């Protein structure tokens, strides 16, 4: 049963990666900021079994994060730094708490490269 579950998860991961590439989404996204460049692996994240497109693209697939979450913005939309930190670090912390592998949660240099 475990082998079947692993095979299904692997097939789903490959399908998600193929779908993101078929739609023209880049495999990696570089986000430049004051703390250094963050190289986000869109391909790796879209292939995760417990992550759906809407988990990150909460306003639809045709907008980037920075379309609403502007650097230094105020008002109802969080600024880019707050939104991305909440989204990324929040997910990494939940995964860590669940005993699953995750990305960085505390060290800035874990994501931000000079």
N, C-alpha and C. Protein backbone atom coordinates (compact mmCIF):
# COMPACT_ATOMS: atom_id res chain seq x y z
N UNK A 1 0.82 -1.20 0.00
CA UNK A 1 0.00 0.00 0.00
C UNK A 1 0.87 1.27 0.00
N UNK A 2 1.94 1.25 0.82
CA UNK A 2 2.83 2.41 0.89
C UNK A 2 3.50 2.65 -0.46
N UNK A 3 3.89 1.58 -1.15
CA UNK A 3 4.52 1.72 -2.46
C UNK A 3 3.55 2.36 -3.44
N UNK A 4 2.30 1.95 -3.41
CA UNK A 4 1.28 2.51 -4.30
C UNK A 4 1.09 4.00 -4.00
N UNK A 5 1.06 4.36 -2.73
CA UNK A 5 0.92 5.76 -2.34
C UNK A 5 2.11 6.57 -2.84
N UNK A 6 3.32 6.03 -2.71
CA UNK A 6 4.52 6.71 -3.19
C UNK A 6 4.50 6.90 -4.70
N UNK A 7 4.05 5.89 -5.42
CA UNK A 7 3.97 5.98 -6.88
C UNK A 7 2.95 7.06 -7.28
N UNK A 8 1.81 7.07 -6.63
CA UNK A 8 0.78 8.08 -6.93
C UNK A 8 1.31 9.48 -6.64
N UNK A 9 2.00 9.64 -5.51
CA UNK A 9 2.57 10.95 -5.16
C UNK A 9 3.61 11.38 -6.18
N UNK A 10 4.44 10.46 -6.63
CA UNK A 10 5.46 10.78 -7.63
C UNK A 10 4.83 11.18 -8.95
N UNK A 11 3.81 10.45 -9.38
CA UNK A 11 3.11 10.78 -10.63
C UNK A 11 2.45 12.15 -10.52
N UNK A 12 1.84 12.44 -9.39
CA UNK A 12 1.20 13.75 -9.18
C UNK A 12 2.24 14.86 -9.21
N UNK A 13 3.39 14.64 -8.61
CA UNK A 13 4.45 15.65 -8.59
C UNK A 13 4.94 15.94 -10.01
N UNK A 14 5.16 14.90 -10.79
CA UNK A 14 5.61 15.08 -12.18
C UNK A 14 4.53 15.80 -12.99
N UNK A 15 3.28 15.45 -12.77
CA UNK A 15 2.18 16.10 -13.49
C UNK A 15 2.09 17.58 -13.15
N UNK A 16 2.24 17.92 -11.86
CA UNK A 16 2.19 19.33 -11.46
C UNK A 16 3.34 20.11 -12.07
N UNK A 17 4.53 19.53 -12.07
CA UNK A 17 5.68 20.20 -12.66
C UNK A 17 5.47 20.40 -14.16
N UNK A 18 4.99 19.37 -14.84
CA UNK A 18 4.73 19.48 -16.28
C UNK A 18 3.66 20.53 -16.56
N UNK A 19 2.62 20.58 -15.73
CA UNK A 19 1.56 21.56 -15.92
C UNK A 19 2.09 22.98 -15.74
N UNK A 20 2.92 23.20 -14.73
CA UNK A 20 3.45 24.55 -14.51
C UNK A 20 4.35 24.96 -15.66
N UNK A 21 5.14 24.03 -16.19
CA UNK A 21 6.00 24.35 -17.32
C UNK A 21 5.19 24.54 -18.59
N UNK A 22 4.12 23.78 -18.76
CA UNK A 22 3.28 23.92 -19.95
C UNK A 22 2.57 25.27 -19.97
N UNK A 23 2.29 25.82 -18.79
CA UNK A 23 1.64 27.11 -18.71
C UNK A 23 2.64 28.26 -18.79
N UNK A 24 3.90 27.96 -18.98
CA UNK A 24 4.91 28.98 -19.13
C UNK A 24 5.46 29.53 -17.83
N UNK A 25 5.21 28.86 -16.72
CA UNK A 25 5.76 29.32 -15.44
C UNK A 25 7.22 28.92 -15.37
N UNK A 26 8.06 29.83 -14.93
CA UNK A 26 9.48 29.50 -14.85
C UNK A 26 9.75 28.48 -13.74
N UNK A 27 10.81 27.70 -13.91
CA UNK A 27 11.18 26.73 -12.89
C UNK A 27 11.72 27.44 -11.65
N UNK A 28 12.45 28.53 -11.85
CA UNK A 28 12.94 29.33 -10.73
C UNK A 28 12.56 30.79 -10.93
N UNK A 29 12.36 31.48 -9.82
CA UNK A 29 12.02 32.89 -9.84
C UNK A 29 13.02 33.62 -8.95
N UNK A 30 13.66 34.65 -9.47
CA UNK A 30 14.61 35.44 -8.70
C UNK A 30 13.92 36.70 -8.21
N UNK A 31 13.95 36.89 -6.90
CA UNK A 31 13.36 38.09 -6.28
C UNK A 31 14.47 38.89 -5.63
N UNK A 32 14.79 40.04 -6.22
CA UNK A 32 15.87 40.88 -5.70
C UNK A 32 15.32 41.82 -4.64
N UNK A 33 16.06 41.97 -3.56
CA UNK A 33 15.65 42.87 -2.48
C UNK A 33 16.88 43.31 -1.71
N UNK A 34 16.68 44.17 -0.72
CA UNK A 34 17.79 44.73 0.05
C UNK A 34 18.61 43.68 0.78
N UNK A 35 17.99 42.59 1.19
CA UNK A 35 18.68 41.55 1.96
C UNK A 35 19.42 40.56 1.07
N UNK A 36 19.27 40.67 -0.23
CA UNK A 36 19.91 39.75 -1.16
C UNK A 36 18.88 39.06 -2.03
N UNK A 37 19.34 38.40 -3.05
CA UNK A 37 18.45 37.73 -4.00
C UNK A 37 17.90 36.44 -3.39
N UNK A 38 16.58 36.26 -3.52
CA UNK A 38 15.95 35.00 -3.13
C UNK A 38 15.66 34.25 -4.43
N UNK A 39 16.21 33.06 -4.53
CA UNK A 39 15.95 32.22 -5.70
C UNK A 39 14.91 31.19 -5.28
N UNK A 40 13.70 31.40 -5.74
CA UNK A 40 12.57 30.54 -5.37
C UNK A 40 12.40 29.47 -6.43
N UNK A 41 12.38 28.22 -6.02
CA UNK A 41 12.20 27.11 -6.94
C UNK A 41 10.71 26.83 -7.12
N UNK A 42 10.13 27.44 -8.15
CA UNK A 42 8.72 27.24 -8.45
C UNK A 42 8.46 25.79 -8.79
N UNK A 43 9.36 25.19 -9.56
CA UNK A 43 9.20 23.80 -9.94
C UNK A 43 9.18 22.87 -8.74
N UNK A 44 10.10 23.08 -7.81
CA UNK A 44 10.17 22.23 -6.61
C UNK A 44 8.91 22.38 -5.76
N UNK A 45 8.46 23.62 -5.55
CA UNK A 45 7.29 23.86 -4.71
C UNK A 45 6.00 23.37 -5.36
N UNK A 46 5.89 23.52 -6.68
CA UNK A 46 4.66 23.08 -7.35
C UNK A 46 4.58 21.56 -7.40
N UNK A 47 5.70 20.88 -7.20
CA UNK A 47 5.70 19.41 -7.21
C UNK A 47 5.41 18.81 -5.83
N UNK A 48 5.33 19.63 -4.79
CA UNK A 48 5.04 19.11 -3.45
C UNK A 48 3.63 18.56 -3.39
N UNK A 49 3.47 17.42 -2.75
CA UNK A 49 2.17 16.75 -2.74
C UNK A 49 1.10 17.48 -1.95
N UNK A 50 1.48 18.28 -0.96
CA UNK A 50 0.47 18.94 -0.12
C UNK A 50 0.31 20.42 -0.43
N UNK A 51 0.82 20.86 -1.58
CA UNK A 51 0.73 22.27 -1.95
C UNK A 51 0.00 22.39 -3.27
N UNK A 52 -1.06 23.18 -3.27
CA UNK A 52 -1.80 23.44 -4.50
C UNK A 52 -1.50 24.84 -4.99
N UNK A 53 -1.78 25.10 -6.24
CA UNK A 53 -1.51 26.42 -6.82
C UNK A 53 -2.13 27.55 -5.99
N UNK A 54 -3.37 27.34 -5.53
CA UNK A 54 -4.08 28.37 -4.78
C UNK A 54 -3.50 28.66 -3.41
N UNK A 55 -2.64 27.78 -2.91
CA UNK A 55 -2.00 28.06 -1.62
C UNK A 55 -1.11 29.29 -1.70
N UNK A 56 -0.48 29.49 -2.81
CA UNK A 56 0.36 30.68 -3.00
C UNK A 56 -0.32 31.72 -3.89
N UNK A 57 -0.94 31.25 -4.97
CA UNK A 57 -1.60 32.14 -5.92
C UNK A 57 -3.04 32.36 -5.48
N UNK A 58 -3.21 33.01 -4.35
CA UNK A 58 -4.55 33.15 -3.77
C UNK A 58 -5.44 34.11 -4.53
N UNK A 59 -4.89 34.89 -5.44
CA UNK A 59 -5.71 35.82 -6.24
C UNK A 59 -5.80 35.38 -7.69
N UNK A 60 -5.41 34.15 -7.97
CA UNK A 60 -5.48 33.65 -9.33
C UNK A 60 -4.09 33.49 -9.93
N UNK A 61 -4.04 32.78 -11.01
CA UNK A 61 -2.77 32.43 -11.62
C UNK A 61 -2.20 33.51 -12.53
N UNK A 62 -2.97 34.52 -12.85
CA UNK A 62 -2.51 35.51 -13.81
C UNK A 62 -1.86 36.73 -13.16
N UNK A 63 -1.60 36.68 -11.87
CA UNK A 63 -0.96 37.80 -11.19
C UNK A 63 0.28 37.34 -10.44
N UNK A 64 1.27 38.20 -10.41
CA UNK A 64 2.44 37.92 -9.59
C UNK A 64 2.16 38.43 -8.18
N UNK A 65 2.97 38.02 -7.24
CA UNK A 65 2.82 38.50 -5.85
C UNK A 65 2.92 40.02 -5.80
N UNK A 66 3.86 40.55 -6.57
CA UNK A 66 4.13 41.99 -6.52
C UNK A 66 3.06 42.83 -7.23
N UNK A 67 2.11 42.18 -7.90
CA UNK A 67 1.02 42.95 -8.52
C UNK A 67 0.18 43.65 -7.44
N UNK A 68 0.00 42.98 -6.31
CA UNK A 68 -0.77 43.57 -5.20
C UNK A 68 0.14 43.94 -4.03
N UNK A 69 1.10 43.07 -3.75
CA UNK A 69 1.98 43.26 -2.61
C UNK A 69 3.20 44.05 -3.04
N UNK A 70 3.05 45.36 -3.08
CA UNK A 70 4.12 46.25 -3.52
C UNK A 70 5.12 46.46 -2.40
N UNK A 71 6.39 46.64 -2.74
CA UNK A 71 7.37 46.98 -1.70
C UNK A 71 6.95 48.27 -0.98
N UNK A 72 6.92 48.24 0.33
CA UNK A 72 6.58 49.43 1.11
C UNK A 72 5.11 49.79 1.12
N UNK A 73 4.24 48.94 0.58
CA UNK A 73 2.81 49.25 0.52
C UNK A 73 2.19 49.28 1.91
N UNK A 74 1.09 50.00 2.00
CA UNK A 74 0.32 50.01 3.24
C UNK A 74 -1.15 49.91 2.87
N UNK A 75 -1.98 49.65 3.84
CA UNK A 75 -3.40 49.49 3.56
C UNK A 75 -3.81 48.05 3.71
N UNK A 76 -4.80 47.63 2.91
CA UNK A 76 -5.35 46.29 3.08
C UNK A 76 -4.40 45.19 2.58
N UNK A 77 -3.59 45.48 1.58
CA UNK A 77 -2.64 44.48 1.08
C UNK A 77 -1.33 44.63 1.84
N UNK A 78 -0.81 43.52 2.32
CA UNK A 78 0.50 43.54 2.99
C UNK A 78 1.56 43.95 1.98
N UNK A 79 2.61 44.62 2.46
CA UNK A 79 3.69 44.91 1.54
C UNK A 79 4.40 43.61 1.17
N UNK A 80 5.23 43.66 0.16
CA UNK A 80 5.85 42.45 -0.38
C UNK A 80 6.64 41.69 0.67
N UNK A 81 7.42 42.38 1.46
CA UNK A 81 8.24 41.71 2.47
C UNK A 81 7.36 40.96 3.48
N UNK A 82 6.35 41.64 4.01
CA UNK A 82 5.47 41.01 5.00
C UNK A 82 4.70 39.83 4.40
N UNK A 83 4.18 40.01 3.20
CA UNK A 83 3.38 38.95 2.57
C UNK A 83 4.22 37.71 2.28
N UNK A 84 5.40 37.92 1.70
CA UNK A 84 6.24 36.78 1.35
C UNK A 84 6.81 36.10 2.59
N UNK A 85 7.21 36.89 3.58
CA UNK A 85 7.70 36.26 4.82
C UNK A 85 6.59 35.47 5.49
N UNK A 86 5.41 36.01 5.56
CA UNK A 86 4.29 35.31 6.20
C UNK A 86 3.98 34.02 5.44
N UNK A 87 3.93 34.11 4.12
CA UNK A 87 3.60 32.96 3.29
C UNK A 87 4.69 31.89 3.36
N UNK A 88 5.91 32.28 3.08
CA UNK A 88 7.01 31.32 2.98
C UNK A 88 7.40 30.75 4.34
N UNK A 89 7.73 31.63 5.27
CA UNK A 89 8.17 31.17 6.58
C UNK A 89 7.04 30.46 7.31
N UNK A 90 5.82 30.95 7.16
CA UNK A 90 4.67 30.30 7.79
C UNK A 90 4.51 28.86 7.33
N UNK A 91 4.64 28.64 6.04
CA UNK A 91 4.52 27.28 5.49
C UNK A 91 5.68 26.42 5.96
N UNK A 92 6.88 26.96 5.93
CA UNK A 92 8.05 26.20 6.38
C UNK A 92 7.90 25.80 7.85
N UNK A 93 7.39 26.69 8.68
CA UNK A 93 7.20 26.38 10.10
C UNK A 93 6.15 25.28 10.29
N UNK A 94 5.05 25.35 9.52
CA UNK A 94 4.02 24.31 9.62
C UNK A 94 4.58 22.95 9.21
N UNK A 95 5.38 22.93 8.17
CA UNK A 95 5.97 21.68 7.71
C UNK A 95 6.94 21.12 8.76
N UNK A 96 7.75 21.99 9.33
CA UNK A 96 8.69 21.57 10.37
C UNK A 96 7.95 21.01 11.57
N UNK A 97 6.89 21.70 12.00
CA UNK A 97 6.10 21.25 13.14
C UNK A 97 5.46 19.90 12.89
N UNK A 98 5.11 19.63 11.63
CA UNK A 98 4.50 18.35 11.26
C UNK A 98 5.55 17.25 11.05
N UNK A 99 6.83 17.60 11.27
CA UNK A 99 7.89 16.62 11.12
C UNK A 99 8.29 16.36 9.69
N UNK A 100 7.95 17.28 8.79
CA UNK A 100 8.27 17.11 7.37
C UNK A 100 9.45 18.00 7.01
N UNK A 101 10.18 17.64 5.97
CA UNK A 101 11.27 18.51 5.52
C UNK A 101 10.71 19.84 5.05
N UNK A 102 11.45 20.90 5.30
CA UNK A 102 10.97 22.22 4.87
C UNK A 102 12.15 23.12 4.55
N UNK A 103 11.82 24.31 4.13
CA UNK A 103 12.84 25.32 3.85
C UNK A 103 13.23 26.04 5.13
N UNK A 104 14.06 27.06 4.98
CA UNK A 104 14.54 27.82 6.13
C UNK A 104 13.41 28.49 6.91
N UNK A 105 13.61 28.62 8.23
CA UNK A 105 12.60 29.28 9.06
C UNK A 105 13.17 30.43 9.89
N UNK A 106 14.46 30.47 10.11
CA UNK A 106 14.99 31.48 11.03
C UNK A 106 16.16 32.28 10.44
N UNK A 107 17.01 31.66 9.72
CA UNK A 107 18.20 32.32 9.19
C UNK A 107 17.88 33.06 7.88
N UNK A 108 18.11 34.36 7.88
CA UNK A 108 17.86 35.16 6.66
C UNK A 108 18.63 34.60 5.47
N UNK A 109 19.89 34.23 5.73
CA UNK A 109 20.75 33.76 4.64
C UNK A 109 20.31 32.40 4.09
N UNK A 110 19.36 31.75 4.75
CA UNK A 110 18.82 30.51 4.21
C UNK A 110 18.09 30.73 2.90
N UNK A 111 17.53 31.91 2.72
CA UNK A 111 16.84 32.25 1.46
C UNK A 111 17.54 33.39 0.71
N UNK A 112 17.96 34.41 1.49
CA UNK A 112 18.55 35.62 0.90
C UNK A 112 20.03 35.41 0.64
N UNK A 113 20.41 35.42 -0.62
CA UNK A 113 21.81 35.27 -1.01
C UNK A 113 22.38 36.61 -1.40
N UNK A 114 23.53 36.93 -0.89
CA UNK A 114 24.20 38.22 -1.21
C UNK A 114 24.83 38.17 -2.57
